[in-house]
Amino acid sequence: MLAWLLVAAQAATPAVENDLRCIASISQSFETEPSSQRAMLTAGMVYFIGRVEGAAPATDIVASVQRIRRAPGAKAALDAAALPCARQILAKTTLFAQLDPGVTKVEPAR
């Protein structure tokens, strides 16, 4: 039990903090992007949540994202983080295309 508390109390690594920043950036985007972008935003958020849970399972993601979003200058910082976060996701779509070229095709909305 004590070991679990020690893990939970440790500060996030820079990689985990970056992933949390991407989650916060995406959550901010949910407020301004059109509803047609929600599926893409959701996929990105799931990707980064999975990374955080895999690297630091004791992380309180909700509290961490709230901390990041409430920090002074957060809106501008998260706007700036959007493109680097999107690039990380885009790099994975290249992998998807290597696995199955059909994965990257977008079906028309019904």
Protein backbone atom coordinates (compact mmCIF):
# COMPACT_ATOMS: atom_id res chain seq x y z
CA MET A 1 0.00 0.00 0.00
CA LEU A 2 2.80 2.40 0.87
CA ALA A 3 4.48 1.80 -2.49
CA TRP A 4 1.24 2.71 -4.29
CA LEU A 5 1.02 6.00 -2.35
CA LEU A 6 4.63 6.81 -3.21
CA VAL A 7 3.99 6.21 -6.91
CA ALA A 8 0.87 8.41 -6.78
CA ALA A 9 2.78 11.20 -5.07
CA GLN A 10 5.58 11.34 -7.64
CA ALA A 11 5.59 14.20 -10.09
CA ALA A 12 4.72 13.39 -13.68
CA THR A 13 7.63 12.80 -16.02
CA PRO A 14 8.10 15.34 -18.83
CA ALA A 15 6.60 12.87 -21.32
CA VAL A 16 3.51 12.32 -19.17
CA GLU A 17 3.17 16.05 -18.56
CA ASN A 18 3.34 16.60 -22.33
CA ASP A 19 0.60 14.01 -22.88
CA LEU A 20 -1.51 15.70 -20.18
CA ARG A 21 -0.97 19.02 -21.96
CA CYS A 22 -2.23 17.42 -25.18
CA ILE A 23 -5.33 16.14 -23.38
CA ALA A 24 -5.91 19.64 -21.99
CA SER A 25 -5.41 21.16 -25.44
CA ILE A 26 -7.92 18.76 -26.96
CA SER A 27 -10.42 19.40 -24.18
CA GLN A 28 -10.08 23.12 -24.87
CA SER A 29 -10.67 22.46 -28.57
CA PHE A 30 -13.96 20.72 -27.75
CA GLU A 31 -15.27 24.14 -26.69
CA THR A 32 -14.58 25.83 -30.03
CA GLU A 33 -14.41 23.23 -32.79
CA PRO A 34 -17.53 22.33 -34.76
CA SER A 35 -19.35 19.15 -33.81
CA SER A 36 -18.13 17.57 -37.06
CA GLN A 37 -14.64 17.48 -35.50
CA ARG A 38 -15.71 15.70 -32.29
CA ALA A 39 -14.89 12.18 -33.51
CA MET A 40 -11.36 13.21 -34.45
CA LEU A 41 -10.88 15.08 -31.17
CA THR A 42 -12.22 12.11 -29.22
CA ALA A 43 -9.81 9.74 -30.96
CA GLY A 44 -6.92 12.04 -30.13
CA MET A 45 -7.99 12.31 -26.51
CA VAL A 46 -8.29 8.53 -26.19
CA TYR A 47 -4.79 8.15 -27.64
CA PHE A 48 -3.22 10.52 -25.11
CA ILE A 49 -5.26 9.16 -22.19
CA GLY A 50 -3.97 5.69 -23.08
CA ARG A 51 -0.40 6.97 -23.10
CA VAL A 52 -0.80 8.53 -19.65
CA GLU A 53 -2.51 5.47 -18.20
CA GLY A 54 0.20 3.24 -19.64
CA ALA A 55 3.11 5.33 -18.40
CA ALA A 56 1.71 6.52 -15.06
CA PRO A 57 -1.45 4.62 -14.09
CA ALA A 58 -1.78 6.41 -10.74
CA THR A 59 -2.13 9.81 -12.45
CA ASP A 60 -5.36 11.65 -11.72
CA ILE A 61 -5.97 12.74 -15.31
CA VAL A 62 -9.00 14.90 -14.52
CA ALA A 63 -7.23 16.82 -11.75
CA SER A 64 -4.09 17.17 -13.89
CA VAL A 65 -6.00 18.55 -16.87
CA GLN A 66 -7.87 20.97 -14.62
CA ARG A 67 -4.55 22.14 -13.16
CA ILE A 68 -3.12 22.70 -16.63
CA ARG A 69 -6.23 24.47 -17.92
CA ARG A 70 -6.37 26.78 -14.87
CA ALA A 71 -2.71 27.82 -14.99
CA PRO A 72 -1.94 31.44 -15.90
CA GLY A 73 -1.63 31.81 -19.67
CA ALA A 74 -3.16 28.38 -20.24
CA LYS A 75 -5.32 29.27 -23.24
CA ALA A 76 -2.40 30.55 -25.31
CA ALA A 77 -0.14 27.70 -24.17
CA LEU A 78 -2.75 25.08 -25.07
CA ASP A 79 -3.45 26.74 -28.42
CA ALA A 80 0.29 26.50 -29.11
CA ALA A 81 0.34 22.84 -28.00
CA ALA A 82 -2.40 21.85 -30.46
CA LEU A 83 -0.15 21.53 -33.52
CA PRO A 84 2.62 19.49 -31.85
CA CYS A 85 -0.04 17.19 -30.36
CA ALA A 86 -1.70 16.81 -33.76
CA ARG A 87 1.69 15.93 -35.27
CA GLN A 88 2.09 13.11 -32.76
CA ILE A 89 -1.27 11.69 -33.81
CA LEU A 90 -0.50 12.19 -37.49
CA ALA A 91 2.68 10.15 -37.06
CA LYS A 92 0.53 7.25 -35.85
CA THR A 93 -1.78 7.49 -38.88
CA THR A 94 1.27 6.73 -41.00
CA LEU A 95 1.65 3.53 -39.01
CA PHE A 96 -2.05 2.78 -39.52
CA ALA A 97 -1.62 3.19 -43.27
CA GLN A 98 1.24 0.69 -43.23
CA LEU A 99 -0.96 -1.80 -41.41
CA ASP A 100 -4.01 -1.28 -43.62
CA PRO A 101 -4.34 1.49 -46.22
CA GLY A 102 -8.11 1.44 -45.73
CA VAL A 103 -7.73 2.68 -42.16
CA THR A 104 -6.88 6.20 -43.32
CA LYS A 105 -9.88 6.52 -45.63
CA VAL A 106 -12.69 8.70 -44.38
CA GLU A 107 -16.23 7.61 -45.12
CA PRO A 108 -18.72 10.33 -46.01
CA ALA A 109 -21.09 11.38 -43.22
CA ARG A 110 -24.54 9.86 -43.44
